[in-house]
Amino acid sequence: MPKAFRPMKSNGNPLLPIVGDGAKYLSVRNKDLPPDSDGNAVPDQGGLSVVSSMHGLRIRMQRGKFPPTMVPRRLADQGILPGAIGTNDIVVFALGNGAFEEGLIAENLKLVPDVDHHGTIQPDRLMPYEQYRTAIHETRSLWRDGEKDE
C-alpha cells in the first residue's frame, strides 16, 4: 500500500482526522473530483489531495503550491516546516507505508501521483459519488500522525 500525507484538523485520543467539508478535513469536495452527469465518481479525474512526504510538503510550501495556513504553526516553531502558520489543531497525517506510487491505498481507493510531490486519492473504479465519499471517510481510523516521518 502506498504512503501519502495530508494535513487535516484533528480530534480524539489518539488523534484522528475530522470528517467534514472543506480543505482541512477528511473529505472530498465536488471541485476536487466533480461527479459525472450520472452522479458517479470517475477515476483519473482528481480526488483527495495528498503529498508524498513531510519533505514533499516542505517543497510544495516553498514553491507556493501549498498554503502555509494549512500546516500547523508548531512545525515552523520546531524548524520542520518553515513558514507554516496554520492552527495547531491541524496534524499532518500519514496513510499507508509503501512508496509514493500509483496503487491501491485503501478499499475502493487508489493513490495517483501527478506532479511535484502531489497526488490524489481517487476511486479505484467508476462508482456512485456517495460511495466514493464514504470510502474516503472510512479511512479515518487508518490515518496516523506523520509529523515525525520523513
Protein backbone atom coordinates (compact mmCIF):
# COMPACT_ATOMS: atom_id res chain seq x y z
CA MET A 1 0.00 0.00 0.00
CA PRO A 2 1.48 3.40 -0.95
CA LYS A 3 2.11 6.05 1.68
CA ALA A 4 0.62 9.55 1.49
CA PHE A 5 0.46 12.58 3.77
CA ARG A 6 -2.27 15.15 4.33
CA PRO A 7 -2.67 17.96 6.88
CA MET A 8 -6.14 17.83 8.47
CA LYS A 9 -7.96 19.12 11.52
CA SER A 10 -7.92 16.52 14.25
CA ASN A 11 -9.54 15.40 17.46
CA GLY A 12 -9.70 12.41 19.78
CA ASN A 13 -7.18 10.31 21.64
CA PRO A 14 -5.38 9.06 19.68
CA LEU A 15 -5.70 11.97 17.29
CA LEU A 16 -7.63 11.20 14.12
CA PRO A 17 -8.66 13.43 11.22
CA ILE A 18 -12.07 15.07 11.43
CA VAL A 19 -14.56 14.15 8.70
CA GLY A 20 -16.14 17.35 7.39
CA ASP A 21 -16.43 19.67 4.44
CA GLY A 22 -13.51 21.81 3.40
CA ALA A 23 -9.85 21.59 2.53
CA LYS A 24 -8.71 20.95 6.13
CA TYR A 25 -10.92 17.90 6.67
CA LEU A 26 -11.05 14.26 5.66
CA SER A 27 -13.45 14.62 2.79
CA VAL A 28 -13.53 15.20 -0.91
CA ARG A 29 -15.19 18.26 -2.39
CA ASN A 30 -17.04 18.37 -5.70
CA LYS A 31 -14.38 20.76 -7.02
CA ASP A 32 -11.67 18.17 -6.21
CA LEU A 33 -13.44 15.44 -8.18
CA PRO A 34 -16.71 16.56 -9.77
CA PRO A 35 -19.38 13.86 -10.14
CA ASP A 36 -20.20 12.96 -13.74
CA SER A 37 -23.65 13.58 -15.25
CA ASP A 38 -24.88 10.28 -13.77
CA GLY A 39 -23.67 11.14 -10.26
CA ASN A 40 -20.60 8.90 -10.35
CA ALA A 41 -17.03 9.36 -9.21
CA VAL A 42 -14.77 8.69 -12.18
CA PRO A 43 -11.14 7.56 -11.79
CA ASP A 44 -8.35 9.75 -13.16
CA GLN A 45 -10.40 12.95 -12.79
CA GLY A 46 -9.00 14.19 -9.46
CA GLY A 47 -9.68 13.38 -5.82
CA LEU A 48 -8.49 13.96 -2.27
CA SER A 49 -5.17 15.85 -2.42
CA VAL A 50 -2.17 14.32 -0.69
CA VAL A 51 1.60 14.80 -0.71
CA SER A 52 4.48 12.35 -0.86
CA SER A 53 6.16 13.08 2.48
CA MET A 54 6.98 15.79 5.01
CA HIS A 55 9.85 16.71 2.67
CA GLY A 56 7.42 16.92 -0.25
CA LEU A 57 5.14 19.16 1.80
CA ARG A 58 8.10 21.44 2.59
CA ILE A 59 8.98 21.69 -1.11
CA ARG A 60 5.39 22.43 -2.12
CA MET A 61 5.17 25.17 0.54
CA GLN A 62 8.48 26.70 -0.61
CA ARG A 63 7.25 26.77 -4.20
CA GLY A 64 3.96 28.42 -3.20
CA LYS A 65 1.93 25.34 -4.19
CA PHE A 66 0.63 24.60 -0.69
CA PRO A 67 -0.90 27.23 1.59
CA PRO A 68 1.03 27.74 4.85
CA THR A 69 -2.30 28.24 6.63
CA MET A 70 -2.99 24.51 6.19
CA VAL A 71 0.15 23.45 8.07
CA PRO A 72 0.33 23.73 11.88
CA ARG A 73 2.43 26.60 13.20
CA ARG A 74 4.17 24.27 15.69
CA LEU A 75 6.03 22.68 12.75
CA ALA A 76 7.54 26.07 11.88
CA ASP A 77 8.39 26.65 15.55
CA GLN A 78 10.18 23.27 15.58
CA GLY A 79 12.06 24.12 12.36
CA ILE A 80 10.41 21.24 10.48
CA LEU A 81 8.28 23.26 8.03
CA PRO A 82 9.40 26.90 7.98
CA GLY A 83 6.62 29.32 7.10
CA ALA A 84 3.77 27.19 8.47
CA ILE A 85 1.15 29.47 10.07
CA GLY A 86 -1.89 27.20 10.49
CA THR A 87 -3.67 26.44 13.73
CA ASN A 88 -2.24 23.73 15.94
CA ASP A 89 -5.39 21.58 15.78
CA ILE A 90 -4.14 20.58 12.33
CA VAL A 91 -1.98 17.44 12.19
CA VAL A 92 -0.01 16.17 9.21
CA PHE A 93 -1.38 12.64 8.99
CA ALA A 94 0.09 9.71 7.08
CA LEU A 95 -1.76 6.80 5.46
CA GLY A 96 -0.04 3.64 4.23
CA ASN A 97 3.58 2.59 4.36
CA GLY A 98 4.95 2.00 0.86
CA ALA A 99 6.44 4.12 -1.89
CA PHE A 100 4.51 7.14 -3.17
CA GLU A 101 3.43 5.44 -6.39
CA GLU A 102 0.16 4.53 -8.05
CA GLY A 103 -1.60 1.71 -6.28
CA LEU A 104 -4.45 0.70 -4.00
CA ILE A 105 -4.27 2.70 -0.79
CA ALA A 106 -7.49 1.51 0.91
CA GLU A 107 -10.62 -0.39 -0.02
CA ASN A 108 -12.14 1.11 -3.20
CA LEU A 109 -9.41 3.79 -3.36
CA LYS A 110 -6.17 4.26 -5.25
CA LEU A 111 -3.33 6.75 -4.98
CA VAL A 112 -2.40 8.51 -8.21
CA PRO A 113 0.72 10.73 -8.01
CA ASP A 114 0.78 13.58 -10.51
CA VAL A 115 3.39 16.37 -10.19
CA ASP A 116 5.76 17.94 -7.70
CA HIS A 117 5.25 15.56 -4.73
CA HIS A 118 1.45 15.78 -5.12
CA GLY A 119 -1.16 13.17 -5.84
CA THR A 120 -4.80 12.34 -5.29
CA ILE A 121 -6.72 9.55 -3.64
CA GLN A 122 -9.27 8.53 -6.24
CA PRO A 123 -11.93 5.87 -6.72
CA ASP A 124 -10.34 2.66 -8.00
CA ARG A 125 -13.18 2.25 -10.50
CA LEU A 126 -16.35 4.04 -11.60
CA MET A 127 -18.67 4.18 -8.58
CA PRO A 128 -21.53 6.26 -7.21
CA TYR A 129 -20.14 9.53 -5.84
CA GLU A 130 -21.51 8.90 -2.35
CA GLN A 131 -19.80 5.50 -2.29
CA TYR A 132 -16.51 7.25 -3.07
CA ARG A 133 -17.07 9.86 -0.34
CA THR A 134 -17.94 7.09 2.12
CA ALA A 135 -14.77 5.18 1.17
CA ILE A 136 -12.71 8.31 1.92
CA HIS A 137 -14.46 8.76 5.29
CA GLU A 138 -13.93 5.09 6.17
CA THR A 139 -10.15 5.59 6.03
CA ARG A 140 -10.36 7.77 9.18
CA SER A 141 -9.04 5.10 11.54
CA LEU A 142 -6.15 4.26 9.16
CA TRP A 143 -4.51 7.70 9.32
CA ARG A 144 -1.76 8.24 11.91
CA ASP A 145 0.36 11.16 12.97
CA GLY A 146 3.02 11.53 10.26
CA GLU A 147 4.79 14.64 11.54
CA LYS A 148 7.89 12.74 12.67
CA ASP A 149 8.15 10.82 9.38
CA GLU A 150 10.42 11.77 6.55
